N, C-alpha and C. Protein backbone atom coordinates (compact mmCIF):
# COMPACT_ATOMS: atom_id res chain seq x y z
N MET A 1 14.19 -13.41 -9.68
CA MET A 1 14.55 -12.56 -8.17
C MET A 1 13.33 -12.23 -7.47
N ILE A 2 13.22 -12.50 -6.28
CA ILE A 2 12.13 -11.88 -5.58
C ILE A 2 12.66 -11.08 -4.37
N SER A 3 12.06 -9.82 -4.33
CA SER A 3 12.31 -9.04 -3.29
C SER A 3 11.50 -9.04 -2.17
N ILE A 4 12.00 -9.26 -0.77
CA ILE A 4 11.00 -9.39 0.09
C ILE A 4 11.23 -8.11 1.12
N VAL A 5 10.04 -7.32 1.28
CA VAL A 5 10.16 -6.33 2.30
C VAL A 5 9.33 -6.48 3.50
N VAL A 6 9.88 -6.30 4.68
CA VAL A 6 8.98 -6.58 5.89
C VAL A 6 8.54 -5.18 6.48
N PHE A 7 7.39 -5.02 6.85
CA PHE A 7 7.10 -4.03 7.78
C PHE A 7 7.30 -4.30 9.26
N SER A 8 7.93 -3.62 9.97
CA SER A 8 8.15 -3.63 11.38
C SER A 8 7.14 -2.77 12.12
N CYS A 9 6.45 -3.15 12.87
CA CYS A 9 5.32 -2.42 13.73
C CYS A 9 5.76 -2.33 15.01
N SER A 10 6.09 -0.96 15.76
CA SER A 10 6.27 -0.86 17.08
C SER A 10 5.32 0.02 17.76
N LYS A 11 4.99 -0.04 18.94
CA LYS A 11 4.01 0.75 19.47
C LYS A 11 4.79 2.19 20.25
N GLU A 12 5.68 2.65 19.33
CA GLU A 12 6.17 3.91 19.90
C GLU A 12 5.01 5.09 19.91
N LYS A 13 3.96 5.09 19.08
CA LYS A 13 2.93 6.00 19.19
C LYS A 13 1.64 5.51 18.79
N SER A 14 0.79 5.60 19.40
CA SER A 14 -0.71 4.63 19.15
C SER A 14 -1.71 5.65 19.27
N PHE A 15 -2.95 5.85 18.26
CA PHE A 15 -3.76 6.63 18.55
C PHE A 15 -5.25 5.93 18.35
N GLU A 16 -4.93 4.46 18.89
CA GLU A 16 -6.30 3.57 18.66
C GLU A 16 -6.94 3.60 19.95
N ASP A 17 -8.54 4.00 19.70
CA ASP A 17 -9.30 4.15 20.80
C ASP A 17 -10.58 3.35 20.15
N PRO A 18 -11.60 3.37 20.97
CA PRO A 18 -12.88 2.98 20.42
C PRO A 18 -13.49 3.83 19.15
N GLU A 19 -12.97 5.06 18.97
CA GLU A 19 -13.42 5.93 17.81
C GLU A 19 -12.70 5.55 16.65
N THR A 20 -11.55 5.19 16.88
CA THR A 20 -10.45 5.27 15.59
C THR A 20 -10.16 3.71 15.13
N GLY A 21 -10.85 2.80 16.00
CA GLY A 21 -10.42 1.32 15.92
C GLY A 21 -10.49 0.89 14.45
N SER A 22 -11.45 1.59 13.56
CA SER A 22 -11.86 0.80 12.37
C SER A 22 -11.20 1.56 11.29
N ASN A 23 -10.34 2.75 11.76
CA ASN A 23 -9.43 3.53 11.01
C ASN A 23 -8.55 2.64 10.13
N TYR A 24 -8.21 2.55 8.99
CA TYR A 24 -7.22 1.91 8.35
C TYR A 24 -5.92 2.80 7.88
N MET A 25 -5.71 3.70 8.66
CA MET A 25 -4.47 4.73 8.46
C MET A 25 -3.40 4.04 9.52
N PRO A 26 -2.32 3.97 9.11
CA PRO A 26 -1.20 3.56 10.07
C PRO A 26 -1.31 4.34 11.27
N GLN A 27 -1.22 3.79 12.41
CA GLN A 27 -1.03 4.32 13.72
C GLN A 27 -0.01 3.99 14.60
N ASP A 28 0.83 3.33 14.03
CA ASP A 28 1.97 3.15 14.64
C ASP A 28 3.53 3.34 13.55
N THR A 29 4.70 3.32 14.41
CA THR A 29 5.61 3.41 13.59
C THR A 29 5.90 2.07 12.46
N LEU A 30 6.10 2.27 11.17
CA LEU A 30 6.36 1.02 10.48
C LEU A 30 7.78 0.95 9.92
N HIS A 31 8.17 -0.21 9.77
CA HIS A 31 9.75 -0.46 9.46
C HIS A 31 9.41 -1.27 8.13
N TYR A 32 10.09 -0.77 7.09
CA TYR A 32 10.05 -1.45 5.82
C TYR A 32 11.45 -1.80 5.53
N VAL A 33 11.63 -3.23 5.52
CA VAL A 33 12.98 -3.80 5.42
C VAL A 33 13.04 -4.72 4.01
N ASP A 34 13.89 -4.34 3.06
CA ASP A 34 14.14 -5.47 2.05
C ASP A 34 15.08 -6.34 2.47
N THR A 35 14.56 -7.68 2.63
CA THR A 35 15.33 -8.88 3.33
C THR A 35 16.54 -9.46 2.51
N MET A 36 16.25 -9.19 1.05
CA MET A 36 17.49 -9.42 0.14
C MET A 36 18.77 -8.40 -0.02
N SER A 37 18.23 -7.21 0.13
CA SER A 37 19.40 -5.98 0.02
C SER A 37 19.65 -5.64 1.60
N HIS A 38 18.69 -5.96 2.43
CA HIS A 38 18.97 -5.53 3.73
C HIS A 38 18.78 -4.10 3.89
N SER A 39 18.22 -3.47 3.23
CA SER A 39 17.99 -1.84 3.55
C SER A 39 16.52 -1.79 3.77
N GLY A 40 16.28 -0.82 4.11
CA GLY A 40 14.65 -0.33 4.52
C GLY A 40 14.85 1.06 4.95
N PHE A 41 13.48 1.39 5.35
CA PHE A 41 13.33 2.65 5.95
C PHE A 41 11.94 2.84 7.15
N ARG A 42 12.00 3.76 7.91
CA ARG A 42 10.95 3.72 8.83
C ARG A 42 9.78 4.67 8.39
N LEU A 43 8.52 4.42 8.50
CA LEU A 43 7.31 5.12 8.27
C LEU A 43 7.15 5.92 9.62
N ILE A 44 7.11 6.88 10.04
CA ILE A 44 6.78 7.45 11.43
C ILE A 44 5.88 8.55 11.09
N SER A 45 4.49 8.35 11.79
CA SER A 45 3.61 9.31 11.87
C SER A 45 4.04 10.56 12.46
N THR A 46 3.64 11.93 12.01
CA THR A 46 3.91 13.10 12.61
C THR A 46 2.58 13.79 12.64
N ASP A 47 2.74 15.10 13.46
CA ASP A 47 1.51 15.51 13.85
C ASP A 47 1.13 16.67 12.49
N SER A 48 1.91 16.53 11.64
CA SER A 48 1.53 17.55 10.45
C SER A 48 0.51 17.19 9.56
N VAL A 49 -0.27 17.99 9.15
CA VAL A 49 -1.35 17.63 8.38
C VAL A 49 -1.69 18.93 7.14
N LYS A 50 -1.78 18.23 6.11
CA LYS A 50 -1.86 19.04 4.86
C LYS A 50 -2.98 18.84 4.09
N GLU A 51 -3.69 19.87 3.46
CA GLU A 51 -4.86 19.92 2.51
C GLU A 51 -4.22 19.91 1.18
N MET A 52 -4.80 18.95 0.46
CA MET A 52 -4.26 18.64 -0.79
C MET A 52 -5.50 17.82 -1.62
N ASP A 53 -6.06 18.75 -2.80
CA ASP A 53 -7.04 18.29 -3.59
C ASP A 53 -8.19 18.21 -2.92
N GLY A 54 -8.37 18.95 -1.71
CA GLY A 54 -9.70 18.59 -1.01
C GLY A 54 -9.70 17.69 -0.13
N ILE A 55 -8.58 17.01 0.01
CA ILE A 55 -8.22 15.76 1.05
C ILE A 55 -7.31 16.16 2.08
N THR A 56 -7.62 15.69 3.35
CA THR A 56 -6.68 15.99 4.55
C THR A 56 -5.60 14.75 4.66
N PHE A 57 -4.47 15.06 4.24
CA PHE A 57 -3.49 14.20 4.38
C PHE A 57 -2.46 14.42 5.53
N HIS A 58 -2.27 13.09 6.06
CA HIS A 58 -1.38 13.22 7.35
C HIS A 58 0.20 12.91 6.87
N ALA A 59 1.04 13.69 7.37
CA ALA A 59 2.39 13.46 6.76
C ALA A 59 3.14 12.45 7.90
N TYR A 60 3.87 11.58 7.31
CA TYR A 60 4.71 10.52 7.73
C TYR A 60 6.18 10.75 7.17
N LYS A 61 7.24 10.47 8.24
CA LYS A 61 8.52 10.58 7.79
C LYS A 61 8.77 9.23 7.13
N ASN A 62 9.64 9.17 5.94
CA ASN A 62 10.41 8.30 5.55
C ASN A 62 11.89 8.34 5.89
N ILE A 63 12.46 7.41 6.60
CA ILE A 63 13.62 7.74 7.36
C ILE A 63 14.53 6.66 7.05
N PRO A 64 15.46 6.59 5.79
CA PRO A 64 16.11 5.45 5.32
C PRO A 64 16.93 4.90 6.56
N ASP A 65 17.23 3.55 6.58
CA ASP A 65 18.09 2.91 7.64
C ASP A 65 19.47 3.16 7.18
N SER A 66 19.92 3.24 5.70
CA SER A 66 21.18 3.33 5.72
C SER A 66 21.66 4.94 5.72
N PHE A 67 20.81 5.92 5.13
CA PHE A 67 21.09 7.06 4.94
C PHE A 67 20.16 7.94 5.70
N PRO A 68 20.09 8.07 7.11
CA PRO A 68 18.74 8.69 7.64
C PRO A 68 18.74 10.27 7.38
N GLU A 69 19.98 10.89 6.86
CA GLU A 69 19.93 12.03 6.49
C GLU A 69 19.08 12.30 5.26
N ASP A 70 18.83 11.57 4.59
CA ASP A 70 17.87 11.67 3.20
C ASP A 70 16.46 11.45 3.61
N THR A 71 15.99 11.84 4.74
CA THR A 71 14.72 11.44 5.08
C THR A 71 13.63 12.36 4.10
N THR A 72 12.50 11.79 3.74
CA THR A 72 11.45 12.39 2.72
C THR A 72 10.23 12.10 3.70
N TYR A 73 9.12 12.76 2.89
CA TYR A 73 7.88 12.58 3.76
C TYR A 73 6.84 11.81 2.57
N SER A 74 6.03 10.86 3.22
CA SER A 74 4.76 10.35 2.55
C SER A 74 3.59 11.04 3.09
N PHE A 75 2.40 10.87 2.39
CA PHE A 75 1.35 11.63 2.67
C PHE A 75 0.25 10.73 2.62
N LEU A 76 -0.53 10.29 3.55
CA LEU A 76 -1.80 9.28 3.58
C LEU A 76 -2.89 10.06 4.10
N GLY A 77 -3.92 10.00 3.22
CA GLY A 77 -5.25 10.83 3.37
C GLY A 77 -6.46 9.96 3.59
N ASP A 78 -7.46 10.22 4.51
CA ASP A 78 -8.67 9.69 4.47
C ASP A 78 -9.78 10.73 4.08
N SER A 79 -10.55 10.29 3.38
CA SER A 79 -11.77 11.04 2.84
C SER A 79 -13.06 10.31 3.04
N SER A 80 -13.69 10.10 4.36
CA SER A 80 -14.89 9.49 4.66
C SER A 80 -14.78 7.89 4.12
N GLY A 81 -13.49 7.34 4.54
CA GLY A 81 -13.36 5.88 4.18
C GLY A 81 -12.64 5.48 3.04
N ALA A 82 -12.23 6.49 2.27
CA ALA A 82 -11.73 6.47 1.04
C ALA A 82 -10.11 7.14 1.44
N TYR A 83 -8.95 6.13 0.98
CA TYR A 83 -7.74 6.10 1.38
C TYR A 83 -6.90 6.33 0.45
N TYR A 84 -6.06 7.72 0.35
CA TYR A 84 -5.02 8.03 -0.56
C TYR A 84 -3.80 8.06 -0.11
N VAL A 85 -2.84 7.74 -1.12
CA VAL A 85 -1.44 8.11 -0.53
C VAL A 85 -0.73 8.92 -1.70
N LYS A 86 0.33 9.51 -1.30
CA LYS A 86 1.17 10.48 -2.25
C LYS A 86 2.37 10.04 -1.65
N SER A 87 3.47 9.68 -2.60
CA SER A 87 4.95 9.76 -2.06
C SER A 87 5.33 8.62 -1.32
N PHE A 88 4.41 7.61 -1.56
CA PHE A 88 4.55 6.56 -0.50
C PHE A 88 5.54 5.55 -0.84
N LEU A 89 5.89 5.33 -2.28
CA LEU A 89 7.21 4.55 -2.53
C LEU A 89 7.62 5.35 -3.82
N PRO A 90 9.04 5.22 -3.70
CA PRO A 90 9.84 6.17 -4.81
C PRO A 90 9.14 5.87 -6.38
N GLU A 91 8.85 4.48 -6.38
CA GLU A 91 8.28 4.16 -7.95
C GLU A 91 7.20 5.13 -8.15
N TRP A 92 6.25 5.31 -7.28
CA TRP A 92 4.89 6.12 -7.62
C TRP A 92 5.19 7.44 -7.57
N GLY A 93 6.28 8.01 -6.93
CA GLY A 93 6.53 9.54 -7.16
C GLY A 93 5.69 10.22 -6.35
N ASP A 94 5.06 11.56 -6.92
CA ASP A 94 4.22 12.40 -6.29
C ASP A 94 2.70 12.16 -6.81
N GLN A 95 2.20 10.84 -7.28
CA GLN A 95 1.25 10.65 -7.69
C GLN A 95 0.04 10.37 -6.66
N LYS A 96 -0.95 10.89 -6.80
CA LYS A 96 -1.97 10.70 -5.66
C LYS A 96 -2.79 9.26 -5.94
N VAL A 97 -2.80 8.28 -5.32
CA VAL A 97 -3.43 6.77 -5.63
C VAL A 97 -4.55 6.47 -4.46
N LEU A 98 -5.65 6.33 -4.98
CA LEU A 98 -6.93 5.79 -3.91
C LEU A 98 -6.76 4.14 -3.89
N ILE A 99 -6.00 4.11 -2.77
CA ILE A 99 -5.65 2.39 -2.42
C ILE A 99 -6.63 1.79 -2.03
N LEU A 100 -7.64 2.54 -1.03
CA LEU A 100 -8.59 1.62 -0.59
C LEU A 100 -10.11 2.46 -0.44
N LYS A 101 -10.89 1.69 -0.46
CA LYS A 101 -12.38 2.31 -0.29
C LYS A 101 -12.90 1.27 0.81
N GLN A 102 -12.72 1.78 2.21
CA GLN A 102 -13.22 0.74 3.16
C GLN A 102 -14.47 0.45 3.21
N HIS A 103 -15.56 1.11 2.55
CA HIS A 103 -16.93 0.90 2.56
C HIS A 103 -17.46 0.21 1.14
N ALA A 104 -16.52 -0.17 0.50
CA ALA A 104 -16.70 -0.85 -0.99
C ALA A 104 -16.99 -2.11 -0.46
N GLU A 105 -18.19 -3.07 -1.47
CA GLU A 105 -18.50 -4.28 -1.12
C GLU A 105 -17.51 -5.08 -1.95
N GLU A 106 -17.50 -6.44 -1.51
CA GLU A 106 -16.86 -7.52 -2.29
C GLU A 106 -17.29 -7.53 -3.92
N GLY A 107 -16.25 -7.56 -4.54
CA GLY A 107 -16.60 -7.50 -6.06
C GLY A 107 -16.64 -5.73 -6.47
N ASP A 108 -16.50 -5.12 -5.68
CA ASP A 108 -16.55 -3.47 -6.34
C ASP A 108 -15.11 -3.29 -6.71
N THR A 109 -15.04 -2.15 -7.60
CA THR A 109 -13.62 -1.83 -8.37
C THR A 109 -13.38 -0.63 -8.37
N TRP A 110 -12.35 0.15 -8.30
CA TRP A 110 -12.13 1.43 -8.88
C TRP A 110 -10.65 1.59 -9.40
N THR A 111 -10.35 2.36 -10.25
CA THR A 111 -9.50 2.69 -11.26
C THR A 111 -8.58 4.07 -10.91
N ASN A 112 -7.35 3.89 -10.91
CA ASN A 112 -6.37 4.97 -10.86
C ASN A 112 -5.67 5.33 -12.11
N PRO A 113 -5.88 6.42 -12.72
CA PRO A 113 -4.79 6.57 -14.02
C PRO A 113 -3.44 6.82 -13.30
N PHE A 114 -2.39 6.05 -13.95
CA PHE A 114 -1.24 5.93 -13.25
C PHE A 114 -0.15 6.15 -14.16
N SER A 115 0.95 6.47 -13.78
CA SER A 115 2.32 6.54 -14.75
C SER A 115 3.40 5.97 -14.25
N VAL A 116 4.09 5.06 -14.86
CA VAL A 116 5.34 4.38 -14.22
C VAL A 116 6.20 4.31 -15.35
N GLY A 117 7.57 5.09 -15.11
CA GLY A 117 8.54 5.00 -16.16
C GLY A 117 8.12 5.65 -17.50
N GLY A 118 7.22 6.80 -17.38
CA GLY A 118 6.85 7.52 -18.64
C GLY A 118 5.56 6.85 -19.31
N GLN A 119 5.18 5.57 -18.76
CA GLN A 119 3.95 4.70 -19.54
C GLN A 119 2.87 5.06 -18.67
N SER A 120 1.65 5.24 -19.26
CA SER A 120 0.38 5.18 -18.56
C SER A 120 -0.22 3.85 -18.52
N LEU A 121 -0.86 3.68 -17.22
CA LEU A 121 -1.43 2.60 -17.08
C LEU A 121 -2.78 2.85 -16.49
N ASP A 122 -3.77 2.24 -16.60
CA ASP A 122 -4.80 2.15 -15.45
C ASP A 122 -4.78 0.94 -14.48
N VAL A 123 -4.61 1.51 -13.30
CA VAL A 123 -4.51 0.54 -12.07
C VAL A 123 -5.78 0.47 -11.28
N THR A 124 -6.34 -0.83 -11.49
CA THR A 124 -7.69 -1.06 -10.84
C THR A 124 -7.60 -1.88 -9.62
N PHE A 125 -8.09 -1.60 -8.41
CA PHE A 125 -8.08 -2.16 -7.45
C PHE A 125 -9.45 -2.97 -7.32
N LYS A 126 -9.69 -4.13 -6.90
CA LYS A 126 -10.90 -5.06 -6.88
C LYS A 126 -10.83 -5.58 -5.19
N VAL A 127 -12.14 -5.43 -4.85
CA VAL A 127 -12.28 -5.86 -3.35
C VAL A 127 -12.58 -7.22 -3.45
N VAL A 128 -11.87 -8.38 -2.97
CA VAL A 128 -11.78 -9.98 -3.09
C VAL A 128 -12.43 -10.34 -1.71
N GLU A 129 -12.05 -9.82 -0.84
CA GLU A 129 -12.75 -10.21 0.73
C GLU A 129 -12.91 -9.37 1.60
N LYS A 130 -13.69 -9.27 2.82
CA LYS A 130 -13.82 -8.05 3.65
C LYS A 130 -14.17 -9.10 5.11
N GLY A 131 -13.62 -8.32 6.03
CA GLY A 131 -13.52 -8.95 7.58
C GLY A 131 -13.50 -10.02 7.62
N ILE A 132 -11.80 -10.44 7.09
CA ILE A 132 -11.59 -11.72 7.24
C ILE A 132 -10.19 -11.51 7.94
N SER A 133 -9.95 -12.86 8.72
CA SER A 133 -8.60 -12.91 9.69
C SER A 133 -7.56 -13.12 8.60
N HIS A 134 -6.33 -12.38 8.67
CA HIS A 134 -5.13 -12.93 7.83
C HIS A 134 -3.73 -12.94 8.62
N PRO A 135 -3.19 -14.10 8.73
CA PRO A 135 -1.79 -14.19 9.24
C PRO A 135 -0.66 -13.63 8.68
N VAL A 136 0.27 -13.21 9.21
CA VAL A 136 1.32 -12.67 8.77
C VAL A 136 2.58 -12.64 9.84
N TYR A 137 3.46 -13.61 9.63
CA TYR A 137 4.62 -13.78 10.59
C TYR A 137 3.92 -14.21 11.66
N GLY A 138 3.00 -15.26 11.67
CA GLY A 138 2.71 -15.97 12.91
C GLY A 138 1.68 -14.95 13.50
N GLN A 139 1.14 -13.89 13.18
CA GLN A 139 0.22 -13.02 13.93
C GLN A 139 -0.85 -12.78 13.05
N SER A 140 -2.10 -13.09 13.74
CA SER A 140 -3.54 -13.01 12.95
C SER A 140 -3.99 -11.80 13.14
N PHE A 141 -4.33 -10.92 12.00
CA PHE A 141 -4.96 -9.78 12.07
C PHE A 141 -6.37 -9.96 11.71
N GLU A 142 -7.25 -9.17 12.52
CA GLU A 142 -8.58 -9.09 12.13
C GLU A 142 -9.25 -8.06 11.34
N SER A 143 -10.64 -8.35 10.74
CA SER A 143 -11.06 -7.30 10.13
C SER A 143 -10.30 -6.74 9.15
N VAL A 144 -9.67 -7.60 8.25
CA VAL A 144 -8.82 -7.47 7.08
C VAL A 144 -9.52 -7.29 5.84
N ILE A 145 -9.14 -6.16 4.92
CA ILE A 145 -9.75 -6.18 3.46
C ILE A 145 -8.51 -6.61 2.58
N HIS A 146 -9.19 -7.54 1.85
CA HIS A 146 -7.94 -8.08 0.68
C HIS A 146 -8.38 -7.56 -0.55
N LEU A 147 -7.61 -6.81 -1.45
CA LEU A 147 -7.71 -6.27 -2.64
C LEU A 147 -6.99 -6.99 -3.69
N GLU A 148 -7.49 -7.03 -4.78
CA GLU A 148 -6.72 -7.54 -5.97
C GLU A 148 -6.05 -6.47 -6.90
N ILE A 149 -4.93 -6.23 -7.38
CA ILE A 149 -4.45 -5.23 -8.13
C ILE A 149 -4.35 -5.50 -9.65
N LEU A 150 -4.99 -4.80 -10.57
CA LEU A 150 -5.18 -5.27 -11.74
C LEU A 150 -4.54 -4.03 -12.65
N ILE A 151 -4.03 -4.27 -14.18
CA ILE A 151 -3.76 -3.18 -14.75
C ILE A 151 -4.24 -3.61 -16.12
N ASN A 152 -4.67 -2.58 -17.05
CA ASN A 152 -4.89 -2.95 -18.32
C ASN A 152 -4.06 -3.83 -19.11
N ASN A 153 -4.26 -4.59 -19.84
CA ASN A 153 -3.55 -5.58 -20.37
C ASN A 153 -2.59 -4.74 -21.49
N PRO A 154 -1.41 -4.79 -21.40
CA PRO A 154 -0.55 -4.01 -22.51
C PRO A 154 -0.37 -4.67 -23.70
N VAL A 155 -0.74 -5.95 -23.92
CA VAL A 155 -0.69 -6.69 -25.08
C VAL A 155 -1.84 -6.48 -25.94
N ARG A 156 -3.06 -6.47 -25.29
CA ARG A 156 -4.34 -6.17 -25.87
C ARG A 156 -4.50 -4.72 -26.47
N THR A 157 -3.89 -3.67 -25.60
CA THR A 157 -4.01 -2.43 -25.85
C THR A 157 -2.92 -1.89 -27.25
N THR A 158 -2.14 -2.94 -27.24
CA THR A 158 -0.89 -2.81 -28.32
C THR A 158 -1.34 -3.70 -29.51
N GLY A 159 -2.59 -4.25 -29.45
CA GLY A 159 -2.79 -4.88 -30.82
C GLY A 159 -2.35 -6.29 -30.54
N GLY A 160 -1.89 -7.09 -29.23
CA GLY A 160 -1.46 -8.34 -29.58
C GLY A 160 -2.56 -9.51 -29.54
N ASP A 161 -2.36 -10.54 -29.25
CA ASP A 161 -3.52 -11.68 -29.37
C ASP A 161 -4.23 -11.94 -28.23
N SER A 162 -3.75 -11.51 -27.12
CA SER A 162 -4.43 -11.60 -25.94
C SER A 162 -5.85 -11.17 -25.68
N ASN A 163 -6.84 -11.68 -25.26
CA ASN A 163 -8.33 -11.19 -25.18
C ASN A 163 -8.64 -10.69 -23.76
N GLU A 164 -7.85 -10.88 -22.82
CA GLU A 164 -8.05 -10.35 -21.43
C GLU A 164 -7.82 -8.81 -21.39
N SER A 165 -8.75 -8.23 -20.94
CA SER A 165 -8.58 -6.67 -20.81
C SER A 165 -7.93 -6.11 -19.53
N PHE A 166 -7.60 -7.21 -18.49
CA PHE A 166 -6.99 -6.93 -17.41
C PHE A 166 -5.97 -7.89 -17.04
N ILE A 167 -4.92 -7.64 -16.35
CA ILE A 167 -4.07 -8.71 -15.96
C ILE A 167 -3.88 -8.19 -14.37
N SER A 168 -3.93 -9.26 -13.63
CA SER A 168 -3.75 -9.19 -12.15
C SER A 168 -2.18 -9.39 -11.88
N ILE A 169 -1.81 -8.16 -11.12
CA ILE A 169 -0.36 -8.22 -10.72
C ILE A 169 -0.07 -8.07 -9.16
N GLY A 170 -1.07 -8.48 -8.43
CA GLY A 170 -0.80 -8.68 -7.44
C GLY A 170 -2.19 -8.66 -6.20
N ASP A 171 -1.78 -8.48 -4.85
CA ASP A 171 -2.82 -8.47 -3.84
C ASP A 171 -2.22 -7.57 -2.72
N VAL A 172 -3.11 -6.75 -2.00
CA VAL A 172 -2.71 -6.11 -0.98
C VAL A 172 -3.79 -6.25 0.00
N TYR A 173 -3.40 -6.23 1.52
CA TYR A 173 -4.30 -6.66 2.71
C TYR A 173 -4.03 -5.25 3.59
N PHE A 174 -5.32 -4.95 4.05
CA PHE A 174 -5.29 -3.82 4.86
C PHE A 174 -6.05 -4.14 6.34
N ALA A 175 -5.27 -3.78 7.45
CA ALA A 175 -5.81 -4.10 8.86
C ALA A 175 -6.21 -2.84 9.51
N PRO A 176 -7.21 -2.68 10.30
CA PRO A 176 -7.43 -1.71 11.18
C PRO A 176 -6.15 -1.09 11.79
N SER A 177 -6.18 0.24 11.86
CA SER A 177 -5.02 0.77 12.64
C SER A 177 -3.54 0.48 12.39
N VAL A 178 -3.51 -0.23 11.30
CA VAL A 178 -2.14 -0.64 10.69
C VAL A 178 -2.05 -0.14 9.56
N GLY A 179 -3.28 -0.26 8.42
CA GLY A 179 -2.79 0.05 7.19
C GLY A 179 -2.51 -1.43 6.48
N ILE A 180 -1.66 -1.24 5.55
CA ILE A 180 -0.95 -2.35 4.79
C ILE A 180 -0.23 -3.28 5.50
N ILE A 181 -0.54 -4.49 5.45
CA ILE A 181 0.04 -5.60 6.37
C ILE A 181 0.72 -6.58 5.28
N GLN A 182 0.27 -6.40 4.07
CA GLN A 182 0.95 -7.48 3.09
C GLN A 182 0.51 -6.80 1.68
N LEU A 183 1.57 -6.72 0.94
CA LEU A 183 1.43 -6.30 -0.41
C LEU A 183 2.26 -7.39 -1.37
N ASN A 184 1.87 -7.75 -2.32
CA ASN A 184 2.32 -8.73 -3.24
C ASN A 184 2.16 -7.91 -4.44
N ILE A 185 3.32 -7.94 -5.44
CA ILE A 185 3.25 -7.31 -6.51
C ILE A 185 4.11 -8.08 -7.72
N ASN A 186 3.47 -8.34 -8.60
CA ASN A 186 4.15 -9.35 -9.77
C ASN A 186 4.12 -8.83 -11.05
N ASN A 187 5.43 -8.39 -11.70
CA ASN A 187 5.10 -7.73 -13.18
C ASN A 187 5.36 -8.90 -13.99
N PRO A 188 4.09 -9.06 -14.63
CA PRO A 188 3.90 -10.06 -15.61
C PRO A 188 4.73 -10.24 -16.80
N LEU A 189 5.62 -8.92 -16.93
CA LEU A 189 6.53 -9.00 -18.11
C LEU A 189 7.87 -8.95 -17.78
N GLN A 190 8.35 -8.60 -16.45
CA GLN A 190 9.46 -8.61 -15.95
C GLN A 190 9.45 -9.35 -14.62
N GLU A 191 9.65 -10.70 -14.61
CA GLU A 191 9.74 -11.64 -13.30
C GLU A 191 10.42 -11.08 -12.27
N ASP A 192 11.71 -10.43 -12.66
CA ASP A 192 12.60 -10.01 -11.57
C ASP A 192 12.30 -8.94 -10.96
N THR A 193 11.13 -8.12 -11.00
CA THR A 193 10.61 -7.00 -10.43
C THR A 193 9.62 -7.48 -9.45
N SER A 194 9.49 -8.56 -9.23
CA SER A 194 8.22 -9.04 -8.25
C SER A 194 8.93 -8.61 -6.74
N PHE A 195 7.89 -8.25 -5.99
CA PHE A 195 8.31 -8.01 -4.39
C PHE A 195 7.23 -8.29 -3.61
N TYR A 196 7.46 -8.53 -2.29
CA TYR A 196 6.39 -8.73 -1.04
C TYR A 196 6.65 -7.60 -0.23
N LEU A 197 5.66 -7.06 0.20
CA LEU A 197 5.70 -6.37 1.56
C LEU A 197 4.84 -7.05 2.56
N LEU A 198 5.58 -7.06 3.82
CA LEU A 198 4.94 -7.97 4.95
C LEU A 198 5.02 -7.07 6.10
N LEU A 199 4.01 -7.21 6.98
CA LEU A 199 4.04 -6.71 8.40
C LEU A 199 4.81 -7.89 9.24
N GLU A 200 5.79 -7.33 10.10
CA GLU A 200 6.13 -7.85 11.23
C GLU A 200 6.23 -7.08 12.48
N ASN A 201 5.22 -7.80 13.47
CA ASN A 201 4.84 -6.80 14.53
C ASN A 201 6.09 -7.44 15.65
N ILE A 202 6.96 -6.41 15.94
CA ILE A 202 7.95 -6.46 16.82
C ILE A 202 7.67 -6.04 18.18
N GLY A 203 6.39 -5.63 18.46
CA GLY A 203 6.11 -4.94 19.86
C GLY A 203 6.85 -4.04 20.28
């Protein structure tokens, strides 16, 4: 089973100008829709700012389509081109995740200690391409950064036969003033948990 989630971007609130055009923080309202379950939520920027762990985080409302009263908040922070998220997806909980280093070069990597379902994992992001054009739903985004997502090999760490230290579990693409435009996650151990996040610009 593959679950597909669509980001819809509307121009309700935009902060883009010559000073912030290279900012990889979301600047618009994003709409996440699971096209299999037909559920989703809107990620809406607010004016709220919060200092956490020495990083300035901007608050975004998560408003579910089906139950808007169950609104929660996500926090996205930028520290000199290093982008962090907290409470972005329910599966991530309140963990702080360094998802992008804007100034890293191709081939550079960084690792986040991560916990999912009570299990500890090292989640590593690797810069695959920078400054590329990437099409999503017929729209071409420029100055895109493409990262590969890897985890420490659970087979090797438990004494299995595999010699691979890391397993690739997906890719993520970032565009200026938008943030994530595409995220592909594939669980090598549980195929039915694979999903895609895509950005659809509905103007």
